[in-house]
Amino acid sequence: MGVSFDLFGTLVTADRPDDPAAAVATELAKRDVTVPDDWAAAYAEPHVDAPDGAEVPLP
């Protein structure tokens, strides 16, 4: 599975996929995980319910 981390260009460089949702869907399908028809919308949907302008810390 392709994963990219933006480390401010100081530690690593990585090629980013043109379509991250499609790249994830491809890797899921390779692992026999069913990818829903609305995957692109689901991938882009925010999964954190935070007020506008709020900072959300990483877990």
Protein backbone atom coordinates (compact mmCIF):
# COMPACT_ATOMS: atom_id res chain seq x y z
CA MET A 1 0.00 0.00 0.00
CA GLY A 2 1.37 3.38 -0.91
CA VAL A 3 1.61 5.80 1.98
CA SER A 4 3.11 9.26 1.91
CA PHE A 5 4.21 11.40 4.81
CA ASP A 6 5.00 15.08 4.47
CA LEU A 7 8.02 15.57 6.69
CA PHE A 8 8.68 19.08 5.42
CA GLY A 9 11.18 17.71 2.91
CA THR A 10 13.81 17.17 5.59
CA LEU A 11 14.00 13.40 5.99
CA VAL A 12 12.47 11.56 3.07
CA THR A 13 11.02 12.02 -0.36
CA ALA A 14 8.28 9.83 -1.74
CA ASP A 15 6.32 9.79 -4.95
CA ARG A 16 2.70 10.70 -4.29
CA PRO A 17 -0.02 9.01 -6.31
CA ASP A 18 -2.04 11.24 -8.63
CA ASP A 19 -5.23 9.73 -7.18
CA PRO A 20 -4.71 8.57 -3.57
CA ALA A 21 -8.23 7.12 -3.29
CA ALA A 22 -7.66 4.96 -6.36
CA ALA A 23 -4.25 3.85 -5.08
CA VAL A 24 -5.76 2.76 -1.75
CA ALA A 25 -8.66 1.03 -3.54
CA THR A 26 -6.21 -0.89 -5.72
CA GLU A 27 -4.24 -2.10 -2.71
CA LEU A 28 -7.42 -3.09 -0.86
CA ALA A 29 -8.65 -5.05 -3.88
CA LYS A 30 -5.29 -6.86 -4.09
CA ARG A 31 -5.99 -8.07 -0.55
CA ASP A 32 -9.50 -9.29 -1.43
CA VAL A 33 -11.15 -6.41 0.44
CA THR A 34 -14.38 -5.30 -1.19
CA VAL A 35 -14.16 -1.66 -2.23
CA PRO A 36 -17.55 0.11 -2.26
CA ASP A 37 -18.80 1.82 -5.43
CA ASP A 38 -18.71 5.20 -3.68
CA TRP A 39 -15.13 4.71 -2.48
CA ALA A 40 -13.79 8.03 -3.81
CA ALA A 41 -16.47 9.94 -1.87
CA ALA A 42 -15.97 7.84 1.26
CA TYR A 43 -12.19 8.31 1.07
CA ALA A 44 -12.56 12.10 0.85
CA GLU A 45 -15.12 12.31 3.68
CA PRO A 46 -13.79 13.79 6.93
CA HIS A 47 -13.96 11.28 9.78
CA VAL A 48 -13.31 13.71 12.63
CA ASP A 49 -16.16 15.83 13.94
CA ALA A 50 -14.28 18.99 14.88
CA PRO A 51 -15.54 22.58 14.91
CA ASP A 52 -14.38 24.83 12.07
CA GLY A 53 -10.88 26.13 12.75
CA ALA A 54 -10.20 23.65 15.54
CA GLU A 55 -6.86 21.89 15.79
CA VAL A 56 -7.13 18.12 15.81
CA PRO A 57 -4.15 16.33 17.37
CA LEU A 58 -2.93 13.06 15.93
CA PRO A 59 -3.75 10.05 18.09
